[in-house]
PDB file of N, CA and C in Angstrom:
ATOM      1  N   UNK A   1      44.413  -0.624 -18.522  1.00  0.00           N
ATOM      2  CA  UNK A   1      44.067  -0.189 -17.188  1.00  0.00           C
ATOM      3  C   UNK A   1      42.570   0.096 -17.133  1.00  0.00           C
ATOM      4  N   UNK A   2      41.926  -0.359 -16.106  1.00  0.00           N
ATOM      5  CA  UNK A   2      40.484  -0.189 -15.949  1.00  0.00           C
ATOM      6  C   UNK A   2      40.167   1.185 -15.394  1.00  0.00           C
ATOM      7  N   UNK A   3      39.060   1.762 -15.891  1.00  0.00           N
ATOM      8  CA  UNK A   3      38.645   3.065 -15.376  1.00  0.00           C
ATOM      9  C   UNK A   3      37.611   2.909 -14.262  1.00  0.00           C
ATOM     10  N   UNK A   4      37.210   1.691 -13.919  1.00  0.00           N
ATOM     11  CA  UNK A   4      36.233   1.468 -12.863  1.00  0.00           C
ATOM     12  C   UNK A   4      36.858   1.730 -11.507  1.00  0.00           C
ATOM     13  N   UNK A   5      36.092   2.350 -10.638  1.00  0.00           N
ATOM     14  CA  UNK A   5      36.591   2.606  -9.288  1.00  0.00           C
ATOM     15  C   UNK A   5      36.318   1.388  -8.418  1.00  0.00           C
ATOM     16  N   UNK A   6      37.101   1.177  -7.375  1.00  0.00           N
ATOM     17  CA  UNK A   6      36.853   0.031  -6.490  1.00  0.00           C
ATOM     18  C   UNK A   6      35.453   0.077  -5.882  1.00  0.00           C
ATOM     19  N   UNK A   7      34.956   1.266  -5.545  1.00  0.00           N
ATOM     20  CA  UNK A   7      33.620   1.378  -4.949  1.00  0.00           C
ATOM     21  C   UNK A   7      32.552   0.891  -5.923  1.00  0.00           C
ATOM     22  N   UNK A   8      32.692   1.266  -7.188  1.00  0.00           N
ATOM     23  CA  UNK A   8      31.692   0.853  -8.178  1.00  0.00           C
ATOM     24  C   UNK A   8      31.773  -0.638  -8.438  1.00  0.00           C
ATOM     25  N   UNK A   9      32.976  -1.156  -8.512  1.00  0.00           N
ATOM     26  CA  UNK A   9      33.163  -2.583  -8.765  1.00  0.00           C
ATOM     27  C   UNK A   9      32.661  -3.397  -7.572  1.00  0.00           C
ATOM     28  N   UNK A  10      32.861  -2.897  -6.377  1.00  0.00           N
ATOM     29  CA  UNK A  10      32.498  -3.641  -5.179  1.00  0.00           C
ATOM     30  C   UNK A  10      31.059  -3.493  -4.740  1.00  0.00           C
ATOM     31  N   UNK A  11      30.268  -2.611  -5.363  1.00  0.00           N
ATOM     32  CA  UNK A  11      28.900  -2.409  -4.883  1.00  0.00           C
ATOM     33  C   UNK A  11      27.943  -3.360  -5.582  1.00  0.00           C
ATOM     34  N   UNK A  12      27.246  -4.156  -4.801  1.00  0.00           N
ATOM     35  CA  UNK A  12      26.236  -5.088  -5.309  1.00  0.00           C
ATOM     36  C   UNK A  12      25.023  -4.996  -4.396  1.00  0.00           C
ATOM     37  N   UNK A  13      23.841  -5.374  -4.894  1.00  0.00           N
ATOM     38  CA  UNK A  13      22.649  -5.307  -4.053  1.00  0.00           C
ATOM     39  C   UNK A  13      22.786  -6.165  -2.797  1.00  0.00           C
ATOM     40  N   UNK A  14      22.169  -5.719  -1.709  1.00  0.00           N
ATOM     41  CA  UNK A  14      22.165  -6.475  -0.467  1.00  0.00           C
ATOM     42  C   UNK A  14      21.543  -7.845  -0.713  1.00  0.00           C
ATOM     43  N   UNK A  15      22.154  -8.867  -0.207  1.00  0.00           N
ATOM     44  CA  UNK A  15      21.632 -10.214  -0.355  1.00  0.00           C
ATOM     45  C   UNK A  15      21.964 -10.853  -1.694  1.00  0.00           C
ATOM     46  N   UNK A  16      22.734 -10.169  -2.515  1.00  0.00           N
ATOM     47  CA  UNK A  16      23.095 -10.699  -3.833  1.00  0.00           C
ATOM     48  C   UNK A  16      24.033 -11.886  -3.675  1.00  0.00           C
ATOM     49  N   UNK A  17      23.701 -12.993  -4.298  1.00  0.00           N
ATOM     50  CA  UNK A  17      24.530 -14.191  -4.274  1.00  0.00           C
ATOM     51  C   UNK A  17      24.884 -14.530  -5.713  1.00  0.00           C
ATOM     52  N   UNK A  18      26.115 -14.303  -6.135  1.00  0.00           N
ATOM     53  CA  UNK A  18      26.470 -14.535  -7.534  1.00  0.00           C
ATOM     54  C   UNK A  18      26.246 -15.966  -7.991  1.00  0.00           C
ATOM     55  N   UNK A  19      26.286 -16.925  -7.084  1.00  0.00           N
ATOM     56  CA  UNK A  19      26.072 -18.321  -7.465  1.00  0.00           C
ATOM     57  C   UNK A  19      24.650 -18.544  -7.981  1.00  0.00           C
ATOM     58  N   UNK A  20      23.683 -17.712  -7.521  1.00  0.00           N
ATOM     59  CA  UNK A  20      22.303 -17.844  -7.972  1.00  0.00           C
ATOM     60  C   UNK A  20      22.113 -17.315  -9.393  1.00  0.00           C
ATOM     61  N   UNK A  21      23.073 -16.560  -9.891  1.00  0.00           N
ATOM     62  CA  UNK A  21      22.926 -15.890 -11.182  1.00  0.00           C
ATOM     63  C   UNK A  21      23.907 -16.402 -12.224  1.00  0.00           C
ATOM     64  N   UNK A  22      24.344 -17.645 -12.093  1.00  0.00           N
ATOM     65  CA  UNK A  22      25.254 -18.228 -13.074  1.00  0.00           C
ATOM     66  C   UNK A  22      24.448 -18.612 -14.308  1.00  0.00           C
ATOM     67  N   UNK A  23      24.403 -17.712 -15.275  1.00  0.00           N
ATOM     68  CA  UNK A  23      23.679 -17.943 -16.523  1.00  0.00           C
ATOM     69  C   UNK A  23      24.551 -17.457 -17.664  1.00  0.00           C
ATOM     70  N   UNK A  24      24.269 -17.939 -18.835  1.00  0.00           N
ATOM     71  CA  UNK A  24      24.954 -17.420 -20.014  1.00  0.00           C
ATOM     72  C   UNK A  24      24.358 -16.057 -20.342  1.00  0.00           C
ATOM     73  N   UNK A  25      25.034 -15.302 -21.171  1.00  0.00           N
ATOM     74  CA  UNK A  25      24.515 -14.005 -21.597  1.00  0.00           C
ATOM     75  C   UNK A  25      23.157 -14.182 -22.266  1.00  0.00           C
ATOM     76  N   UNK A  26      23.025 -15.200 -23.097  1.00  0.00           N
ATOM     77  CA  UNK A  26      21.750 -15.470 -23.757  1.00  0.00           C
ATOM     78  C   UNK A  26      20.632 -15.756 -22.772  1.00  0.00           C
ATOM     79  N   UNK A  27      20.938 -16.508 -21.713  1.00  0.00           N
ATOM     80  CA  UNK A  27      19.934 -16.805 -20.684  1.00  0.00           C
ATOM     81  C   UNK A  27      19.528 -15.528 -19.948  1.00  0.00           C
ATOM     82  N   UNK A  28      20.505 -14.667 -19.660  1.00  0.00           N
ATOM     83  CA  UNK A  28      20.203 -13.380 -19.011  1.00  0.00           C
ATOM     84  C   UNK A  28      19.266 -12.556 -19.901  1.00  0.00           C
ATOM     85  N   UNK A  29      19.593 -12.457 -21.178  1.00  0.00           N
ATOM     86  CA  UNK A  29      18.762 -11.661 -22.083  1.00  0.00           C
ATOM     87  C   UNK A  29      17.356 -12.228 -22.204  1.00  0.00           C
ATOM     88  N   UNK A  30      17.232 -13.546 -22.236  1.00  0.00           N
ATOM     89  CA  UNK A  30      15.910 -14.177 -22.310  1.00  0.00           C
ATOM     90  C   UNK A  30      15.110 -13.881 -21.050  1.00  0.00           C
ATOM     91  N   UNK A  31      15.748 -13.940 -19.888  1.00  0.00           N
ATOM     92  CA  UNK A  31      15.057 -13.643 -18.627  1.00  0.00           C
ATOM     93  C   UNK A  31      14.605 -12.182 -18.596  1.00  0.00           C
ATOM     94  N   UNK A  32      15.455 -11.275 -19.046  1.00  0.00           N
ATOM     95  CA  UNK A  32      15.079  -9.860 -19.095  1.00  0.00           C
ATOM     96  C   UNK A  32      13.921  -9.635 -20.066  1.00  0.00           C
ATOM     97  N   UNK A  33      13.967 -10.313 -21.215  1.00  0.00           N
ATOM     98  CA  UNK A  33      12.884 -10.172 -22.191  1.00  0.00           C
ATOM     99  C   UNK A  33      11.561 -10.626 -21.589  1.00  0.00           C
ATOM    100  N   UNK A  34      11.557 -11.748 -20.884  1.00  0.00           N
ATOM    101  CA  UNK A  34      10.333 -12.249 -20.253  1.00  0.00           C
ATOM    102  C   UNK A  34       9.793 -11.242 -19.251  1.00  0.00           C
ATOM    103  N   UNK A  35      10.682 -10.686 -18.439  1.00  0.00           N
ATOM    104  CA  UNK A  35      10.249  -9.738 -17.407  1.00  0.00           C
ATOM    105  C   UNK A  35       9.715  -8.446 -18.012  1.00  0.00           C
ATOM    106  N   UNK A  36      10.221  -8.043 -19.159  1.00  0.00           N
ATOM    107  CA  UNK A  36       9.700  -6.844 -19.811  1.00  0.00           C
ATOM    108  C   UNK A  36       8.234  -7.030 -20.169  1.00  0.00           C
ATOM    109  N   UNK A  37       7.853  -8.259 -20.520  1.00  0.00           N
ATOM    110  CA  UNK A  37       6.483  -8.514 -20.935  1.00  0.00           C
ATOM    111  C   UNK A  37       5.563  -8.847 -19.767  1.00  0.00           C
ATOM    112  N   UNK A  38       6.056  -8.771 -18.548  1.00  0.00           N
ATOM    113  CA  UNK A  38       5.205  -8.952 -17.377  1.00  0.00           C
ATOM    114  C   UNK A  38       4.471  -7.664 -17.032  1.00  0.00           C
ATOM    115  N   UNK A  39       4.716  -6.613 -17.790  1.00  0.00           N
ATOM    116  CA  UNK A  39       4.083  -5.341 -17.499  1.00  0.00           C
ATOM    117  C   UNK A  39       4.811  -4.559 -16.423  1.00  0.00           C
ATOM    118  N   UNK A  40       6.064  -4.876 -16.184  1.00  0.00           N
ATOM    119  CA  UNK A  40       6.814  -4.191 -15.141  1.00  0.00           C
ATOM    120  C   UNK A  40       7.529  -2.947 -15.661  1.00  0.00           C
ATOM    121  N   UNK A  41       7.499  -2.707 -16.947  1.00  0.00           N
ATOM    122  CA  UNK A  41       8.169  -1.548 -17.511  1.00  0.00           C
ATOM    123  C   UNK A  41       9.113  -1.970 -18.613  1.00  0.00           C
ATOM    124  N   UNK A  42      10.073  -1.134 -18.907  1.00  0.00           N
ATOM    125  CA  UNK A  42      11.002  -1.375 -20.000  1.00  0.00           C
ATOM    126  C   UNK A  42      12.195  -2.221 -19.607  1.00  0.00           C
ATOM    127  N   UNK A  43      13.231  -2.149 -20.430  1.00  0.00           N
ATOM    128  CA  UNK A  43      14.418  -2.986 -20.263  1.00  0.00           C
ATOM    129  C   UNK A  43      15.094  -2.746 -18.917  1.00  0.00           C
ATOM    130  N   UNK A  44      15.242  -1.483 -18.504  1.00  0.00           N
ATOM    131  CA  UNK A  44      15.920  -1.204 -17.235  1.00  0.00           C
ATOM    132  C   UNK A  44      15.104  -1.725 -16.059  1.00  0.00           C
ATOM    133  N   UNK A  45      13.778  -1.584 -16.124  1.00  0.00           N
ATOM    134  CA  UNK A  45      12.937  -2.124 -15.050  1.00  0.00           C
ATOM    135  C   UNK A  45      13.119  -3.637 -14.977  1.00  0.00           C
ATOM    136  N   UNK A  46      13.144  -4.287 -16.120  1.00  0.00           N
ATOM    137  CA  UNK A  46      13.326  -5.738 -16.144  1.00  0.00           C
ATOM    138  C   UNK A  46      14.665  -6.115 -15.522  1.00  0.00           C
ATOM    139  N   UNK A  47      15.704  -5.352 -15.825  1.00  0.00           N
ATOM    140  CA  UNK A  47      17.032  -5.620 -15.261  1.00  0.00           C
ATOM    141  C   UNK A  47      17.018  -5.462 -13.747  1.00  0.00           C
ATOM    142  N   UNK A  48      16.437  -4.344 -13.257  1.00  0.00           N
ATOM    143  CA  UNK A  48      16.412  -4.107 -11.810  1.00  0.00           C
ATOM    144  C   UNK A  48      15.575  -5.159 -11.091  1.00  0.00           C
ATOM    145  N   UNK A  49      14.460  -5.564 -11.684  1.00  0.00           N
ATOM    146  CA  UNK A  49      13.622  -6.604 -11.082  1.00  0.00           C
ATOM    147  C   UNK A  49      14.384  -7.922 -11.029  1.00  0.00           C
ATOM    148  N   UNK A  50      15.160  -8.194 -12.054  1.00  0.00           N
ATOM    149  CA  UNK A  50      15.973  -9.407 -12.079  1.00  0.00           C
ATOM    150  C   UNK A  50      17.008  -9.374 -10.957  1.00  0.00           C
ATOM    151  N   UNK A  51      17.650  -8.231 -10.767  1.00  0.00           N
ATOM    152  CA  UNK A  51      18.703  -8.108  -9.764  1.00  0.00           C
ATOM    153  C   UNK A  51      18.149  -7.947  -8.348  1.00  0.00           C
ATOM    154  N   UNK A  52      17.006  -7.265  -8.213  1.00  0.00           N
ATOM    155  CA  UNK A  52      16.400  -7.001  -6.905  1.00  0.00           C
ATOM    156  C   UNK A  52      14.919  -7.375  -6.999  1.00  0.00           C
ATOM    157  N   UNK A  53      14.582  -8.633  -6.791  1.00  0.00           N
ATOM    158  CA  UNK A  53      13.196  -9.089  -6.958  1.00  0.00           C
ATOM    159  C   UNK A  53      12.172  -8.311  -6.139  1.00  0.00           C
ATOM    160  N   UNK A  54      12.578  -7.686  -5.042  1.00  0.00           N
ATOM    161  CA  UNK A  54      11.637  -6.897  -4.225  1.00  0.00           C
ATOM    162  C   UNK A  54      11.016  -5.770  -5.039  1.00  0.00           C
ATOM    163  N   UNK A  55      11.730  -5.237  -6.032  1.00  0.00           N
ATOM    164  CA  UNK A  55      11.176  -4.176  -6.877  1.00  0.00           C
ATOM    165  C   UNK A  55       9.983  -4.717  -7.652  1.00  0.00           C
ATOM    166  N   UNK A  56      10.116  -5.903  -8.207  1.00  0.00           N
ATOM    167  CA  UNK A  56       9.005  -6.521  -8.932  1.00  0.00           C
ATOM    168  C   UNK A  56       7.820  -6.769  -8.023  1.00  0.00           C
ATOM    169  N   UNK A  57       8.098  -7.233  -6.810  1.00  0.00           N
ATOM    170  CA  UNK A  57       7.015  -7.465  -5.852  1.00  0.00           C
ATOM    171  C   UNK A  57       6.292  -6.161  -5.540  1.00  0.00           C
ATOM    172  N   UNK A  58       7.047  -5.076  -5.357  1.00  0.00           N
ATOM    173  CA  UNK A  58       6.422  -3.775  -5.076  1.00  0.00           C
ATOM    174  C   UNK A  58       5.563  -3.299  -6.243  1.00  0.00           C
ATOM    175  N   UNK A  59       6.054  -3.464  -7.460  1.00  0.00           N
ATOM    176  CA  UNK A  59       5.280  -3.054  -8.634  1.00  0.00           C
ATOM    177  C   UNK A  59       3.990  -3.867  -8.720  1.00  0.00           C
ATOM    178  N   UNK A  60       4.101  -5.179  -8.535  1.00  0.00           N
ATOM    179  CA  UNK A  60       2.925  -6.049  -8.622  1.00  0.00           C
ATOM    180  C   UNK A  60       1.945  -5.745  -7.499  1.00  0.00           C
ATOM    181  N   UNK A  61       2.439  -5.585  -6.281  1.00  0.00           N
ATOM    182  CA  UNK A  61       1.542  -5.291  -5.152  1.00  0.00           C
ATOM    183  C   UNK A  61       0.877  -3.930  -5.315  1.00  0.00           C
ATOM    184  N   UNK A  62       1.616  -2.942  -5.814  1.00  0.00           N
ATOM    185  CA  UNK A  62       1.024  -1.620  -6.040  1.00  0.00           C
ATOM    186  C   UNK A  62      -0.044  -1.707  -7.119  1.00  0.00           C
ATOM    187  N   UNK A  63       0.241  -2.396  -8.206  1.00  0.00           N
ATOM    188  CA  UNK A  63      -0.732  -2.502  -9.302  1.00  0.00           C
ATOM    189  C   UNK A  63      -1.984  -3.266  -8.886  1.00  0.00           C
ATOM    190  N   UNK A  64      -1.878  -4.104  -7.849  1.00  0.00           N
ATOM    191  CA  UNK A  64      -3.025  -4.883  -7.385  1.00  0.00           C
ATOM    192  C   UNK A  64      -3.927  -4.114  -6.425  1.00  0.00           C
ATOM    193  N   UNK A  65      -3.493  -2.939  -5.970  1.00  0.00           N
ATOM    194  CA  UNK A  65      -4.336  -2.165  -5.054  1.00  0.00           C
ATOM    195  C   UNK A  65      -5.499  -1.553  -5.816  1.00  0.00           C
ATOM    196  N   UNK A  66      -6.616  -1.388  -5.110  1.00  0.00           N
ATOM    197  CA  UNK A  66      -7.832  -0.883  -5.750  1.00  0.00           C
ATOM    198  C   UNK A  66      -7.622   0.518  -6.318  1.00  0.00           C
ATOM    199  N   UNK A  67      -8.010   0.690  -7.560  1.00  0.00           N
ATOM    200  CA  UNK A  67      -7.950   1.995  -8.211  1.00  0.00           C
ATOM    201  C   UNK A  67      -6.648   2.302  -8.911  1.00  0.00           C
ATOM    202  N   UNK A  68      -5.661   1.399  -8.823  1.00  0.00           N
ATOM    203  CA  UNK A  68      -4.377   1.659  -9.471  1.00  0.00           C
ATOM    204  C   UNK A  68      -4.537   1.541 -10.988  1.00  0.00           C
ATOM    205  N   UNK A  69      -4.180   2.605 -11.677  1.00  0.00           N
ATOM    206  CA  UNK A  69      -4.260   2.644 -13.132  1.00  0.00           C
ATOM    207  C   UNK A  69      -2.944   2.164 -13.748  1.00  0.00           C
ATOM    208  N   UNK A  70      -1.836   2.509 -13.102  1.00  0.00           N
ATOM    209  CA  UNK A  70      -0.513   2.170 -13.611  1.00  0.00           C
ATOM    210  C   UNK A  70       0.459   2.116 -12.444  1.00  0.00           C
ATOM    211  N   UNK A  71       1.307   1.110 -12.400  1.00  0.00           N
ATOM    212  CA  UNK A  71       2.372   1.015 -11.396  1.00  0.00           C
ATOM    213  C   UNK A  71       3.669   0.757 -12.135  1.00  0.00           C
ATOM    214  N   UNK A  72       4.680   1.519 -11.809  1.00  0.00           N
ATOM    215  CA  UNK A  72       5.973   1.404 -12.491  1.00  0.00           C
ATOM    216  C   UNK A  72       7.108   1.776 -11.542  1.00  0.00           C
ATOM    217  N   UNK A  73       8.308   1.565 -12.016  1.00  0.00           N
ATOM    218  CA  UNK A  73       9.526   1.969 -11.343  1.00  0.00           C
ATOM    219  C   UNK A  73      10.002   3.266 -11.989  1.00  0.00           C
ATOM    220  N   UNK A  74      10.565   4.158 -11.182  1.00  0.00           N
ATOM    221  CA  UNK A  74      11.125   5.390 -11.750  1.00  0.00           C
ATOM    222  C   UNK A  74      12.311   5.045 -12.643  1.00  0.00           C
ATOM    223  N   UNK A  75      12.732   5.994 -13.443  1.00  0.00           N
ATOM    224  CA  UNK A  75      13.824   5.759 -14.386  1.00  0.00           C
ATOM    225  C   UNK A  75      15.113   5.296 -13.738  1.00  0.00           C
ATOM    226  N   UNK A  76      15.396   5.791 -12.539  1.00  0.00           N
ATOM    227  CA  UNK A  76      16.634   5.410 -11.862  1.00  0.00           C
ATOM    228  C   UNK A  76      16.471   4.146 -11.031  1.00  0.00           C
ATOM    229  N   UNK A  77      15.242   3.712 -10.832  1.00  0.00           N
ATOM    230  CA  UNK A  77      14.999   2.529 -10.027  1.00  0.00           C
ATOM    231  C   UNK A  77      14.883   2.802  -8.545  1.00  0.00           C
ATOM    232  N   UNK A  78      14.966   4.066  -8.161  1.00  0.00           N
ATOM    233  CA  UNK A  78      14.922   4.412  -6.746  1.00  0.00           C
ATOM    234  C   UNK A  78      13.512   4.422  -6.173  1.00  0.00           C
ATOM    235  N   UNK A  79      12.503   4.472  -7.042  1.00  0.00           N
ATOM    236  CA  UNK A  79      11.128   4.627  -6.586  1.00  0.00           C
ATOM    237  C   UNK A  79      10.190   3.743  -7.382  1.00  0.00           C
ATOM    238  N   UNK A  80       9.224   3.153  -6.684  1.00  0.00           N
ATOM    239  CA  UNK A  80       8.091   2.492  -7.327  1.00  0.00           C
ATOM    240  C   UNK A  80       6.899   3.400  -7.062  1.00  0.00           C
ATOM    241  N   UNK A  81       6.117   3.688  -8.103  1.00  0.00           N
ATOM    242  CA  UNK A  81       4.980   4.584  -7.925  1.00  0.00           C
ATOM    243  C   UNK A  81       3.749   4.015  -8.597  1.00  0.00           C
ATOM    244  N   UNK A  82       2.594   4.479  -8.159  1.00  0.00           N
ATOM    245  CA  UNK A  82       1.329   4.088  -8.762  1.00  0.00           C
ATOM    246  C   UNK A  82       0.505   5.320  -9.053  1.00  0.00           C
ATOM    247  N   UNK A  83      -0.254   5.280 -10.132  1.00  0.00           N
ATOM    248  CA  UNK A  83      -1.186   6.354 -10.471  1.00  0.00           C
ATOM    249  C   UNK A  83      -2.586   5.825 -10.195  1.00  0.00           C
ATOM    250  N   UNK A  84      -3.396   6.622  -9.506  1.00  0.00           N
ATOM    251  CA  UNK A  84      -4.718   6.190  -9.065  1.00  0.00           C
ATOM    252  C   UNK A  84      -5.800   7.104  -9.607  1.00  0.00           C
ATOM    253  N   UNK A  85      -7.021   6.549  -9.665  1.00  0.00           N
ATOM    254  CA  UNK A  85      -8.160   7.278 -10.202  1.00  0.00           C
ATOM    255  C   UNK A  85      -8.682   8.361  -9.289  1.00  0.00           C
ATOM    256  N   UNK A  86      -8.392   8.272  -7.991  1.00  0.00           N
ATOM    257  CA  UNK A  86      -8.866   9.300  -7.058  1.00  0.00           C
ATOM    258  C   UNK A  86      -7.898   9.419  -5.891  1.00  0.00           C
ATOM    259  N   UNK A  87      -8.009  10.530  -5.195  1.00  0.00           N
ATOM    260  CA  UNK A  87      -7.184  10.764  -4.014  1.00  0.00           C
ATOM    261  C   UNK A  87      -7.490   9.725  -2.937  1.00  0.00           C
ATOM    262  N   UNK A  88      -8.771   9.400  -2.764  1.00  0.00           N
ATOM    263  CA  UNK A  88      -9.154   8.410  -1.747  1.00  0.00           C
ATOM    264  C   UNK A  88      -8.521   7.051  -2.035  1.00  0.00           C
ATOM    265  N   UNK A  89      -8.516   6.651  -3.298  1.00  0.00           N
ATOM    266  CA  UNK A  89      -7.905   5.374  -3.665  1.00  0.00           C
ATOM    267  C   UNK A  89      -6.399   5.398  -3.413  1.00  0.00           C
ATOM    268  N   UNK A  90      -5.758   6.513  -3.728  1.00  0.00           N
ATOM    269  CA  UNK A  90      -4.315   6.638  -3.509  1.00  0.00           C
ATOM    270  C   UNK A  90      -3.984   6.561  -2.022  1.00  0.00           C
ATOM    271  N   UNK A  91      -4.771   7.240  -1.190  1.00  0.00           N
ATOM    272  CA  UNK A  91      -4.521   7.226   0.252  1.00  0.00           C
ATOM    273  C   UNK A  91      -4.772   5.835   0.842  1.00  0.00           C
ATOM    274  N   UNK A  92      -5.813   5.152   0.376  1.00  0.00           N
ATOM    275  CA  UNK A  92      -6.077   3.790   0.860  1.00  0.00           C
ATOM    276  C   UNK A  92      -4.956   2.845   0.442  1.00  0.00           C
ATOM    277  N   UNK A  93      -4.485   2.979  -0.797  1.00  0.00           N
ATOM    278  CA  UNK A  93      -3.373   2.140  -1.273  1.00  0.00           C
ATOM    279  C   UNK A  93      -2.118   2.406  -0.447  1.00  0.00           C
ATOM    280  N   UNK A  94      -1.844   3.667  -0.152  1.00  0.00           N
ATOM    281  CA  UNK A  94      -0.669   4.004   0.666  1.00  0.00           C
ATOM    282  C   UNK A  94      -0.785   3.350   2.039  1.00  0.00           C
ATOM    283  N   UNK A  95      -1.965   3.407   2.622  1.00  0.00           N
ATOM    284  CA  UNK A  95      -2.197   2.772   3.925  1.00  0.00           C
ATOM    285  C   UNK A  95      -1.933   1.262   3.831  1.00  0.00           C
ATOM    286  N   UNK A  96      -2.506   0.617   2.816  1.00  0.00           N
ATOM    287  CA  UNK A  96      -2.355  -0.835   2.643  1.00  0.00           C
ATOM    288  C   UNK A  96      -0.900  -1.220   2.396  1.00  0.00           C
ATOM    289  N   UNK A  97      -0.200  -0.433   1.580  1.00  0.00           N
ATOM    290  CA  UNK A  97       1.197  -0.737   1.277  1.00  0.00           C
ATOM    291  C   UNK A  97       2.098  -0.503   2.479  1.00  0.00           C
ATOM    292  N   UNK A  98       1.778   0.507   3.308  1.00  0.00           N
ATOM    293  CA  UNK A  98       2.543   0.722   4.542  1.00  0.00           C
ATOM    294  C   UNK A  98       2.440  -0.488   5.460  1.00  0.00           C
ATOM    295  N   UNK A  99       1.235  -1.061   5.526  1.00  0.00           N
ATOM    296  CA  UNK A  99       1.052  -2.257   6.363  1.00  0.00           C
ATOM    297  C   UNK A  99       1.815  -3.453   5.788  1.00  0.00           C
ATOM    298  N   UNK A 100       1.793  -3.595   4.473  1.00  0.00           N
ATOM    299  CA  UNK A 100       2.468  -4.729   3.827  1.00  0.00           C
ATOM    300  C   UNK A 100       3.988  -4.595   3.851  1.00  0.00           C
ATOM    301  N   UNK A 101       4.490  -3.348   3.797  1.00  0.00           N
ATOM    302  CA  UNK A 101       5.932  -3.083   3.740  1.00  0.00           C
ATOM    303  C   UNK A 101       6.308  -2.057   4.803  1.00  0.00           C
ATOM    304  N   UNK A 102       6.300  -2.451   6.082  1.00  0.00           N
ATOM    305  CA  UNK A 102       6.519  -1.480   7.160  1.00  0.00           C
ATOM    306  C   UNK A 102       7.894  -0.809   7.152  1.00  0.00           C
ATOM    307  N   UNK A 103       8.870  -1.389   6.517  1.00  0.00           N
ATOM    308  CA  UNK A 103      10.198  -0.784   6.488  1.00  0.00           C
ATOM    309  C   UNK A 103      10.410   0.181   5.337  1.00  0.00           C
ATOM    310  N   UNK A 104       9.373   0.396   4.515  1.00  0.00           N
ATOM    311  CA  UNK A 104       9.496   1.240   3.329  1.00  0.00           C
ATOM    312  C   UNK A 104       8.778   2.565   3.564  1.00  0.00           C
ATOM    313  N   UNK A 105       9.260   3.612   2.907  1.00  0.00           N
ATOM    314  CA  UNK A 105       8.582   4.904   2.951  1.00  0.00           C
ATOM    315  C   UNK A 105       7.500   4.897   1.887  1.00  0.00           C
ATOM    316  N   UNK A 106       6.258   5.139   2.291  1.00  0.00           N
ATOM    317  CA  UNK A 106       5.117   5.128   1.379  1.00  0.00           C
ATOM    318  C   UNK A 106       4.317   6.396   1.620  1.00  0.00           C
ATOM    319  N   UNK A 107       3.914   7.082   0.553  1.00  0.00           N
ATOM    320  CA  UNK A 107       3.121   8.303   0.683  1.00  0.00           C
ATOM    321  C   UNK A 107       2.203   8.461  -0.511  1.00  0.00           C
ATOM    322  N   UNK A 108       1.040   9.041  -0.266  1.00  0.00           N
ATOM    323  CA  UNK A 108       0.132   9.422  -1.350  1.00  0.00           C
ATOM    324  C   UNK A 108       0.359  10.910  -1.614  1.00  0.00           C
ATOM    325  N   UNK A 109       0.405  11.275  -2.875  1.00  0.00           N
ATOM    326  CA  UNK A 109       0.643  12.678  -3.233  1.00  0.00           C
ATOM    327  C   UNK A 109      -0.161  13.026  -4.484  1.00  0.00           C
ATOM    328  N   UNK A 110      -0.564  14.288  -4.608  1.00  0.00           N
ATOM    329  CA  UNK A 110      -1.330  14.684  -5.806  1.00  0.00           C
ATOM    330  C   UNK A 110      -0.423  14.855  -7.021  1.00  0.00           C
ATOM    331  N   UNK A 111      -1.031  14.795  -8.186  1.00  0.00           N
ATOM    332  CA  UNK A 111      -0.330  15.137  -9.412  1.00  0.00           C
ATOM    333  C   UNK A 111      -0.590  16.617  -9.644  1.00  0.00           C
ATOM    334  N   UNK A 112       0.446  17.369  -9.837  1.00  0.00           N
ATOM    335  CA  UNK A 112       0.310  18.814 -10.025  1.00  0.00           C
ATOM    336  C   UNK A 112       0.269  19.098 -11.518  1.00  0.00           C
ATOM    337  N   UNK A 113      -0.812  19.687 -11.963  1.00  0.00           N
ATOM    338  CA  UNK A 113      -0.985  19.991 -13.380  1.00  0.00           C
ATOM    339  C   UNK A 113      -0.201  21.242 -13.753  1.00  0.00           C
ATOM    340  N   UNK A 114       0.356  21.243 -14.956  1.00  0.00           N
ATOM    341  CA  UNK A 114       1.064  22.424 -15.464  1.00  0.00           C
ATOM    342  C   UNK A 114       0.042  23.482 -15.840  1.00  0.00           C
ATOM    343  N   UNK A 115       0.411  24.724 -15.661  1.00  0.00           N
ATOM    344  CA  UNK A 115      -0.520  25.827 -16.022  1.00  0.00           C
ATOM    345  C   UNK A 115      -0.037  26.539 -17.238  1.00  0.00           C
TER     346      UNK A 115
END
């Protein structure tokens, strides 16, 4: 008997077409390995980028903005973030990304140092 719930089994990314992903396990692993070396992050980032290419586009577009030191996906995959050299650069990048992705929530925020 399976312990998976119907909701978990039935949930797939919007626009997912299983026919586009007919690969062997080895082919999947090779594709994930390649994506890991694109600078998009670790194994989970590579997996999420493979399943939802928009995440990869967001990481690449964020990293291409002026002053971006690092762009990555959060551990859960819910957020793409960039670290910038100055507040002005972060605010300009947020403005540019809002224009490029009008349906996405984009904000510049400070890094709070521990005391």
